[in-house]
Amino acid sequence: MTAKLRRAEPGDGEFIFLMMYEAVFWDKAGADRPPVEEMFNQDEILPRYTAEWGRKGDEGVIAEEDGRPVGAAWFRFYTAAEPAYGFVAEDIPEIAIGLLREARGRGTGTALLKALLDRAKDLSYRTVCLSAYRDNPAMGLYEKFGFERLELDDEGYWTMKKDLRAR
Protein backbone atom coordinates (compact mmCIF):
# COMPACT_ATOMS: atom_id res chain seq x y z
CA MET A 1 0.00 0.00 0.00
CA THR A 2 1.36 3.41 -0.92
CA ALA A 3 -1.38 5.48 0.72
CA LYS A 4 -0.80 7.48 3.89
CA LEU A 5 -3.55 7.45 6.50
CA ARG A 6 -4.78 10.37 8.57
CA ARG A 7 -7.73 10.98 10.86
CA ALA A 8 -10.81 12.46 9.23
CA GLU A 9 -11.60 16.05 10.12
CA PRO A 10 -14.87 18.03 10.06
CA GLY A 11 -13.90 19.50 6.67
CA ASP A 12 -13.77 16.00 5.10
CA GLY A 13 -17.56 15.61 4.90
CA GLU A 14 -17.81 16.19 1.14
CA PHE A 15 -15.08 13.61 0.41
CA ILE A 16 -16.65 11.13 2.82
CA PHE A 17 -19.96 11.55 1.00
CA LEU A 18 -18.16 10.82 -2.27
CA MET A 19 -16.71 7.66 -0.69
CA MET A 20 -20.21 6.63 0.43
CA TYR A 21 -21.30 7.04 -3.19
CA GLU A 22 -18.36 4.83 -4.25
CA ALA A 23 -19.33 2.26 -1.63
CA VAL A 24 -22.92 2.11 -2.84
CA PHE A 25 -22.05 2.01 -6.54
CA TRP A 26 -18.93 -0.15 -6.21
CA ASP A 27 -20.05 -2.40 -9.09
CA LYS A 28 -21.12 0.32 -11.53
CA ALA A 29 -19.12 2.63 -13.76
CA GLY A 30 -19.77 5.65 -15.94
CA ALA A 31 -23.32 6.01 -17.24
CA ASP A 32 -24.53 3.13 -15.07
CA ARG A 33 -24.22 5.42 -12.05
CA PRO A 34 -26.64 8.20 -11.18
CA PRO A 35 -25.04 11.64 -10.90
CA VAL A 36 -23.51 12.11 -7.46
CA GLU A 37 -25.41 15.40 -7.04
CA GLU A 38 -28.68 13.54 -7.55
CA MET A 39 -27.81 11.14 -4.75
CA PHE A 40 -26.90 13.96 -2.38
CA ASN A 41 -30.07 15.89 -3.07
CA GLN A 42 -32.63 13.10 -3.39
CA ASP A 43 -31.49 9.97 -1.59
CA GLU A 44 -32.70 9.67 1.96
CA ILE A 45 -30.17 7.15 3.25
CA LEU A 46 -26.86 8.18 1.63
CA PRO A 47 -26.66 11.63 3.23
CA ARG A 48 -27.45 10.03 6.59
CA TYR A 49 -23.95 8.50 6.54
CA THR A 50 -22.23 11.86 6.09
CA ALA A 51 -24.53 14.84 6.80
CA GLU A 52 -23.02 17.32 9.24
CA TRP A 53 -19.81 15.30 9.28
CA GLY A 54 -17.82 15.84 12.46
CA ARG A 55 -20.73 15.65 14.87
CA LYS A 56 -20.22 13.98 18.25
CA GLY A 57 -19.30 10.30 17.81
CA ASP A 58 -18.12 10.62 14.19
CA GLU A 59 -14.73 9.04 13.61
CA GLY A 60 -12.91 8.29 10.40
CA VAL A 61 -9.69 7.67 8.55
CA ILE A 62 -8.72 9.10 5.17
CA ALA A 63 -6.23 7.44 2.80
CA GLU A 64 -4.16 9.80 0.65
CA GLU A 65 -1.81 9.18 -2.24
CA ASP A 66 0.45 12.03 -3.34
CA GLY A 67 -1.55 14.37 -1.09
CA ARG A 68 -4.88 13.46 -2.76
CA PRO A 69 -7.60 11.56 -0.86
CA VAL A 70 -8.40 8.17 -2.42
CA GLY A 71 -10.42 6.41 0.26
CA ALA A 72 -12.11 6.67 3.62
CA ALA A 73 -13.43 4.49 6.39
CA TRP A 74 -15.64 5.97 9.08
CA PHE A 75 -18.30 5.27 11.64
CA ARG A 76 -21.10 7.12 13.29
CA PHE A 77 -24.05 6.38 15.53
CA TYR A 78 -27.67 6.18 14.40
CA THR A 79 -31.00 6.05 16.16
CA ALA A 80 -33.78 3.52 15.83
CA ALA A 81 -35.94 6.36 14.47
CA GLU A 82 -33.37 7.15 11.74
CA PRO A 83 -31.30 4.01 11.20
CA ALA A 84 -28.77 3.35 8.47
CA TYR A 85 -28.65 0.10 6.46
CA GLY A 86 -26.58 -1.91 8.91
CA PHE A 87 -28.23 -0.58 12.06
CA VAL A 88 -27.97 -2.93 15.03
CA ALA A 89 -28.42 -0.70 18.09
CA GLU A 90 -28.10 2.94 19.08
CA ASP A 91 -24.93 2.28 21.11
CA ILE A 92 -23.13 0.44 18.27
CA PRO A 93 -21.39 2.59 15.65
CA GLU A 94 -21.92 1.64 12.02
CA ILE A 95 -18.91 1.49 9.72
CA ALA A 96 -18.79 2.52 6.08
CA ILE A 97 -15.81 2.35 3.76
CA GLY A 98 -15.25 3.56 0.22
CA LEU A 99 -12.37 3.80 -2.23
CA LEU A 100 -11.91 5.44 -5.57
CA ARG A 101 -11.89 2.76 -8.25
CA GLU A 102 -8.18 3.28 -9.01
CA ALA A 103 -7.27 2.78 -5.34
CA ARG A 104 -8.89 -0.65 -5.02
CA GLY A 105 -7.03 -3.94 -4.84
CA ARG A 106 -3.83 -2.51 -3.36
CA GLY A 107 -4.38 -3.02 0.36
CA THR A 108 -5.72 0.46 1.05
CA GLY A 109 -9.13 -0.80 2.16
CA THR A 110 -7.48 -3.27 4.53
CA ALA A 111 -5.33 -0.53 6.05
CA LEU A 112 -8.33 1.79 6.42
CA LEU A 113 -10.46 -0.86 8.10
CA LYS A 114 -7.67 -1.87 10.48
CA ALA A 115 -7.03 1.75 11.48
CA LEU A 116 -10.73 2.39 12.04
CA LEU A 117 -11.19 -0.75 14.14
CA ASP A 118 -8.13 0.23 16.19
CA ARG A 119 -9.71 3.65 16.76
CA ALA A 120 -12.99 2.05 17.89
CA LYS A 121 -11.06 -0.12 20.35
CA ASP A 122 -9.15 2.94 21.63
CA LEU A 123 -12.53 4.56 22.31
CA SER A 124 -13.57 1.41 24.24
CA TYR A 125 -16.39 0.44 21.90
CA ARG A 126 -17.29 -3.20 22.32
CA THR A 127 -19.00 -3.80 18.98
CA VAL A 128 -19.21 -2.25 15.50
CA CYS A 129 -21.54 -3.06 12.63
CA LEU A 130 -21.83 -2.53 8.89
CA SER A 131 -23.89 -3.36 5.85
CA ALA A 132 -22.52 -4.91 2.66
CA TYR A 133 -24.09 -6.23 -0.51
CA ARG A 134 -23.87 -10.02 -0.74
CA ASP A 135 -21.81 -9.98 -3.97
CA ASN A 136 -19.41 -7.23 -2.89
CA PRO A 137 -15.81 -8.53 -2.91
CA ALA A 138 -15.28 -6.64 0.37
CA MET A 139 -17.36 -9.32 2.12
CA GLY A 140 -14.18 -11.41 2.27
CA LEU A 141 -12.30 -8.52 3.88
CA TYR A 142 -14.98 -8.04 6.51
CA GLU A 143 -15.06 -11.73 7.34
CA LYS A 144 -11.25 -11.82 7.50
CA PHE A 145 -11.50 -9.11 10.16
CA GLY A 146 -14.02 -11.19 12.12
CA PHE A 147 -17.33 -9.64 11.13
CA GLU A 148 -20.19 -12.10 11.40
CA ARG A 149 -23.27 -12.14 9.21
CA LEU A 150 -26.47 -11.35 11.10
CA GLU A 151 -29.25 -10.82 8.59
CA LEU A 152 -29.74 -10.67 4.82
CA ASP A 153 -32.38 -8.14 3.75
CA ASP A 154 -34.69 -8.34 0.75
CA GLU A 155 -32.33 -6.17 -1.34
CA GLY A 156 -29.35 -8.49 -0.81
CA TYR A 157 -27.52 -6.54 1.90
CA TRP A 158 -25.98 -8.30 4.85
CA THR A 159 -26.01 -6.64 8.26
CA MET A 160 -22.78 -7.67 9.95
CA LYS A 161 -21.21 -7.03 13.33
CA LYS A 162 -17.85 -7.49 14.98
CA ASP A 163 -17.15 -7.98 18.66
CA LEU A 164 -14.06 -5.87 19.31
CA ARG A 165 -13.28 -7.81 22.49
CA ALA A 166 -12.84 -11.10 20.61
CA ARG A 167 -9.36 -12.18 19.60
C-alpha atoms as a PDB file:
ATOM      1  CA  MET A   1       0.000   0.000   0.000  1.00  0.00           C
ATOM      2  CA  THR A   2       1.360   3.415  -0.918  1.00  0.00           C
ATOM      3  CA  ALA A   3      -1.384   5.484   0.723  1.00  0.00           C
ATOM      4  CA  LYS A   4      -0.803   7.480   3.891  1.00  0.00           C
ATOM      5  CA  LEU A   5      -3.548   7.450   6.497  1.00  0.00           C
ATOM      6  CA  ARG A   6      -4.784  10.369   8.568  1.00  0.00           C
ATOM      7  CA  ARG A   7      -7.734  10.983  10.855  1.00  0.00           C
ATOM      8  CA  ALA A   8     -10.810  12.463   9.233  1.00  0.00           C
ATOM      9  CA  GLU A   9     -11.595  16.051  10.119  1.00  0.00           C
ATOM     10  CA  PRO A  10     -14.873  18.026  10.058  1.00  0.00           C
ATOM     11  CA  GLY A  11     -13.904  19.498   6.667  1.00  0.00           C
ATOM     12  CA  ASP A  12     -13.769  16.005   5.095  1.00  0.00           C
ATOM     13  CA  GLY A  13     -17.555  15.612   4.900  1.00  0.00           C
ATOM     14  CA  GLU A  14     -17.806  16.190   1.142  1.00  0.00           C
ATOM     15  CA  PHE A  15     -15.084  13.614   0.408  1.00  0.00           C
ATOM     16  CA  ILE A  16     -16.646  11.133   2.820  1.00  0.00           C
ATOM     17  CA  PHE A  17     -19.962  11.549   1.001  1.00  0.00           C
ATOM     18  CA  LEU A  18     -18.156  10.823  -2.273  1.00  0.00           C
ATOM     19  CA  MET A  19     -16.713   7.662  -0.693  1.00  0.00           C
ATOM     20  CA  MET A  20     -20.208   6.632   0.426  1.00  0.00           C
ATOM     21  CA  TYR A  21     -21.297   7.043  -3.187  1.00  0.00           C
ATOM     22  CA  GLU A  22     -18.359   4.829  -4.249  1.00  0.00           C
ATOM     23  CA  ALA A  23     -19.332   2.258  -1.628  1.00  0.00           C
ATOM     24  CA  VAL A  24     -22.925   2.115  -2.835  1.00  0.00           C
ATOM     25  CA  PHE A  25     -22.054   2.011  -6.540  1.00  0.00           C
ATOM     26  CA  TRP A  26     -18.926  -0.148  -6.214  1.00  0.00           C
ATOM     27  CA  ASP A  27     -20.051  -2.395  -9.087  1.00  0.00           C
ATOM     28  CA  LYS A  28     -21.117   0.318 -11.530  1.00  0.00           C
ATOM     29  CA  ALA A  29     -19.124   2.633 -13.764  1.00  0.00           C
ATOM     30  CA  GLY A  30     -19.770   5.651 -15.944  1.00  0.00           C
ATOM     31  CA  ALA A  31     -23.318   6.014 -17.241  1.00  0.00           C
ATOM     32  CA  ASP A  32     -24.534   3.135 -15.067  1.00  0.00           C
ATOM     33  CA  ARG A  33     -24.219   5.421 -12.045  1.00  0.00           C
ATOM     34  CA  PRO A  34     -26.637   8.195 -11.175  1.00  0.00           C
ATOM     35  CA  PRO A  35     -25.037  11.643 -10.898  1.00  0.00           C
ATOM     36  CA  VAL A  36     -23.510  12.113  -7.460  1.00  0.00           C
ATOM     37  CA  GLU A  37     -25.407  15.396  -7.044  1.00  0.00           C
ATOM     38  CA  GLU A  38     -28.680  13.542  -7.553  1.00  0.00           C
ATOM     39  CA  MET A  39     -27.806  11.145  -4.754  1.00  0.00           C
ATOM     40  CA  PHE A  40     -26.897  13.961  -2.383  1.00  0.00           C
ATOM     41  CA  ASN A  41     -30.069  15.889  -3.066  1.00  0.00           C
ATOM     42  CA  GLN A  42     -32.626  13.104  -3.394  1.00  0.00           C
ATOM     43  CA  ASP A  43     -31.493   9.975  -1.594  1.00  0.00           C
ATOM     44  CA  GLU A  44     -32.704   9.675   1.963  1.00  0.00           C
ATOM     45  CA  ILE A  45     -30.167   7.154   3.255  1.00  0.00           C
ATOM     46  CA  LEU A  46     -26.863   8.183   1.628  1.00  0.00           C
ATOM     47  CA  PRO A  47     -26.657  11.627   3.235  1.00  0.00           C
ATOM     48  CA  ARG A  48     -27.450  10.029   6.594  1.00  0.00           C
ATOM     49  CA  TYR A  49     -23.951   8.504   6.544  1.00  0.00           C
ATOM     50  CA  THR A  50     -22.227  11.856   6.089  1.00  0.00           C
ATOM     51  CA  ALA A  51     -24.533  14.836   6.803  1.00  0.00           C
ATOM     52  CA  GLU A  52     -23.020  17.317   9.237  1.00  0.00           C
ATOM     53  CA  TRP A  53     -19.809  15.301   9.283  1.00  0.00           C
ATOM     54  CA  GLY A  54     -17.816  15.843  12.456  1.00  0.00           C
ATOM     55  CA  ARG A  55     -20.727  15.646  14.872  1.00  0.00           C
ATOM     56  CA  LYS A  56     -20.219  13.976  18.250  1.00  0.00           C
ATOM     57  CA  GLY A  57     -19.301  10.304  17.808  1.00  0.00           C
ATOM     58  CA  ASP A  58     -18.124  10.617  14.195  1.00  0.00           C
ATOM     59  CA  GLU A  59     -14.729   9.037  13.610  1.00  0.00           C
ATOM     60  CA  GLY A  60     -12.910   8.294  10.399  1.00  0.00           C
ATOM     61  CA  VAL A  61      -9.688   7.673   8.554  1.00  0.00           C
ATOM     62  CA  ILE A  62      -8.723   9.096   5.167  1.00  0.00           C
ATOM     63  CA  ALA A  63      -6.226   7.440   2.803  1.00  0.00           C
ATOM     64  CA  GLU A  64      -4.160   9.803   0.645  1.00  0.00           C
ATOM     65  CA  GLU A  65      -1.809   9.179  -2.242  1.00  0.00           C
ATOM     66  CA  ASP A  66       0.446  12.032  -3.339  1.00  0.00           C
ATOM     67  CA  GLY A  67      -1.554  14.374  -1.095  1.00  0.00           C
ATOM     68  CA  ARG A  68      -4.881  13.460  -2.757  1.00  0.00           C
ATOM     69  CA  PRO A  69      -7.600  11.562  -0.863  1.00  0.00           C
ATOM     70  CA  VAL A  70      -8.398   8.172  -2.416  1.00  0.00           C
ATOM     71  CA  GLY A  71     -10.416   6.407   0.258  1.00  0.00           C
ATOM     72  CA  ALA A  72     -12.110   6.673   3.620  1.00  0.00           C
ATOM     73  CA  ALA A  73     -13.428   4.493   6.394  1.00  0.00           C
ATOM     74  CA  TRP A  74     -15.638   5.970   9.077  1.00  0.00           C
ATOM     75  CA  PHE A  75     -18.297   5.274  11.636  1.00  0.00           C
ATOM     76  CA  ARG A  76     -21.100   7.117  13.293  1.00  0.00           C
ATOM     77  CA  PHE A  77     -24.052   6.382  15.529  1.00  0.00           C
ATOM     78  CA  TYR A  78     -27.667   6.184  14.398  1.00  0.00           C
ATOM     79  CA  THR A  79     -31.000   6.054  16.155  1.00  0.00           C
ATOM     80  CA  ALA A  80     -33.784   3.524  15.833  1.00  0.00           C
ATOM     81  CA  ALA A  81     -35.944   6.357  14.468  1.00  0.00           C
ATOM     82  CA  GLU A  82     -33.373   7.151  11.737  1.00  0.00           C
ATOM     83  CA  PRO A  83     -31.296   4.011  11.201  1.00  0.00           C
ATOM     84  CA  ALA A  84     -28.769   3.346   8.474  1.00  0.00           C
ATOM     85  CA  TYR A  85     -28.654   0.101   6.457  1.00  0.00           C
ATOM     86  CA  GLY A  86     -26.582  -1.913   8.915  1.00  0.00           C
ATOM     87  CA  PHE A  87     -28.231  -0.576  12.060  1.00  0.00           C
ATOM     88  CA  VAL A  88     -27.967  -2.935  15.028  1.00  0.00           C
ATOM     89  CA  ALA A  89     -28.419  -0.699  18.092  1.00  0.00           C
ATOM     90  CA  GLU A  90     -28.097   2.938  19.085  1.00  0.00           C
ATOM     91  CA  ASP A  91     -24.934   2.279  21.110  1.00  0.00           C
ATOM     92  CA  ILE A  92     -23.135   0.436  18.273  1.00  0.00           C
ATOM     93  CA  PRO A  93     -21.390   2.588  15.650  1.00  0.00           C
ATOM     94  CA  GLU A  94     -21.924   1.638  12.018  1.00  0.00           C
ATOM     95  CA  ILE A  95     -18.914   1.494   9.720  1.00  0.00           C
ATOM     96  CA  ALA A  96     -18.786   2.524   6.083  1.00  0.00           C
ATOM     97  CA  ILE A  97     -15.808   2.348   3.756  1.00  0.00           C
ATOM     98  CA  GLY A  98     -15.250   3.561   0.221  1.00  0.00           C
ATOM     99  CA  LEU A  99     -12.372   3.802  -2.228  1.00  0.00           C
ATOM    100  CA  LEU A 100     -11.906   5.441  -5.571  1.00  0.00           C
ATOM    101  CA  ARG A 101     -11.888   2.762  -8.255  1.00  0.00           C
ATOM    102  CA  GLU A 102      -8.185   3.283  -9.010  1.00  0.00           C
ATOM    103  CA  ALA A 103      -7.267   2.778  -5.337  1.00  0.00           C
ATOM    104  CA  ARG A 104      -8.886  -0.650  -5.017  1.00  0.00           C
ATOM    105  CA  GLY A 105      -7.030  -3.940  -4.842  1.00  0.00           C
ATOM    106  CA  ARG A 106      -3.831  -2.509  -3.365  1.00  0.00           C
ATOM    107  CA  GLY A 107      -4.379  -3.020   0.364  1.00  0.00           C
ATOM    108  CA  THR A 108      -5.718   0.461   1.046  1.00  0.00           C
ATOM    109  CA  GLY A 109      -9.128  -0.798   2.162  1.00  0.00           C
ATOM    110  CA  THR A 110      -7.485  -3.274   4.528  1.00  0.00           C
ATOM    111  CA  ALA A 111      -5.328  -0.534   6.045  1.00  0.00           C
ATOM    112  CA  LEU A 112      -8.326   1.795   6.419  1.00  0.00           C
ATOM    113  CA  LEU A 113     -10.456  -0.863   8.098  1.00  0.00           C
ATOM    114  CA  LYS A 114      -7.672  -1.875  10.480  1.00  0.00           C
ATOM    115  CA  ALA A 115      -7.026   1.751  11.478  1.00  0.00           C
ATOM    116  CA  LEU A 116     -10.729   2.393  12.041  1.00  0.00           C
ATOM    117  CA  LEU A 117     -11.193  -0.749  14.141  1.00  0.00           C
ATOM    118  CA  ASP A 118      -8.134   0.228  16.186  1.00  0.00           C
ATOM    119  CA  ARG A 119      -9.711   3.655  16.764  1.00  0.00           C
ATOM    120  CA  ALA A 120     -12.987   2.047  17.886  1.00  0.00           C
ATOM    121  CA  LYS A 121     -11.056  -0.118  20.354  1.00  0.00           C
ATOM    122  CA  ASP A 122      -9.152   2.943  21.626  1.00  0.00           C
ATOM    123  CA  LEU A 123     -12.530   4.556  22.311  1.00  0.00           C
ATOM    124  CA  SER A 124     -13.572   1.409  24.236  1.00  0.00           C
ATOM    125  CA  TYR A 125     -16.392   0.441  21.904  1.00  0.00           C
ATOM    126  CA  ARG A 126     -17.293  -3.200  22.321  1.00  0.00           C
ATOM    127  CA  THR A 127     -19.001  -3.797  18.975  1.00  0.00           C
ATOM    128  CA  VAL A 128     -19.207  -2.247  15.505  1.00  0.00           C
ATOM    129  CA  CYS A 129     -21.541  -3.064  12.635  1.00  0.00           C
ATOM    130  CA  LEU A 130     -21.831  -2.533   8.889  1.00  0.00           C
ATOM    131  CA  SER A 131     -23.894  -3.364   5.849  1.00  0.00           C
ATOM    132  CA  ALA A 132     -22.523  -4.907   2.660  1.00  0.00           C
ATOM    133  CA  TYR A 133     -24.090  -6.225  -0.511  1.00  0.00           C
ATOM    134  CA  ARG A 134     -23.874 -10.018  -0.741  1.00  0.00           C
ATOM    135  CA  ASP A 135     -21.807  -9.982  -3.970  1.00  0.00           C
ATOM    136  CA  ASN A 136     -19.409  -7.235  -2.887  1.00  0.00           C
ATOM    137  CA  PRO A 137     -15.809  -8.528  -2.906  1.00  0.00           C
ATOM    138  CA  ALA A 138     -15.278  -6.639   0.370  1.00  0.00           C
ATOM    139  CA  MET A 139     -17.358  -9.322   2.119  1.00  0.00           C
ATOM    140  CA  GLY A 140     -14.185 -11.409   2.267  1.00  0.00           C
ATOM    141  CA  LEU A 141     -12.300  -8.524   3.881  1.00  0.00           C
ATOM    142  CA  TYR A 142     -14.984  -8.045   6.510  1.00  0.00           C
ATOM    143  CA  GLU A 143     -15.059 -11.732   7.344  1.00  0.00           C
ATOM    144  CA  LYS A 144     -11.247 -11.817   7.495  1.00  0.00           C
ATOM    145  CA  PHE A 145     -11.496  -9.113  10.159  1.00  0.00           C
ATOM    146  CA  GLY A 146     -14.016 -11.188  12.118  1.00  0.00           C
ATOM    147  CA  PHE A 147     -17.333  -9.637  11.125  1.00  0.00           C
ATOM    148  CA  GLU A 148     -20.190 -12.100  11.398  1.00  0.00           C
ATOM    149  CA  ARG A 149     -23.270 -12.136   9.206  1.00  0.00           C
ATOM    150  CA  LEU A 150     -26.472 -11.353  11.096  1.00  0.00           C
ATOM    151  CA  GLU A 151     -29.251 -10.822   8.587  1.00  0.00           C
ATOM    152  CA  LEU A 152     -29.738 -10.667   4.824  1.00  0.00           C
ATOM    153  CA  ASP A 153     -32.382  -8.141   3.754  1.00  0.00           C
ATOM    154  CA  ASP A 154     -34.689  -8.341   0.749  1.00  0.00           C
ATOM    155  CA  GLU A 155     -32.335  -6.169  -1.338  1.00  0.00           C
ATOM    156  CA  GLY A 156     -29.353  -8.490  -0.811  1.00  0.00           C
ATOM    157  CA  TYR A 157     -27.516  -6.543   1.901  1.00  0.00           C
ATOM    158  CA  TRP A 158     -25.982  -8.301   4.854  1.00  0.00           C
ATOM    159  CA  THR A 159     -26.009  -6.639   8.257  1.00  0.00           C
ATOM    160  CA  MET A 160     -22.784  -7.670   9.954  1.00  0.00           C
ATOM    161  CA  LYS A 161     -21.207  -7.032  13.332  1.00  0.00           C
ATOM    162  CA  LYS A 162     -17.849  -7.489  14.978  1.00  0.00           C
ATOM    163  CA  ASP A 163     -17.150  -7.983  18.658  1.00  0.00           C
ATOM    164  CA  LEU A 164     -14.056  -5.874  19.306  1.00  0.00           C
ATOM    165  CA  ARG A 165     -13.280  -7.810  22.485  1.00  0.00           C
ATOM    166  CA  ALA A 166     -12.838 -11.103  20.613  1.00  0.00           C
ATOM    167  CA  ARG A 167      -9.359 -12.176  19.601  1.00  0.00           C
END
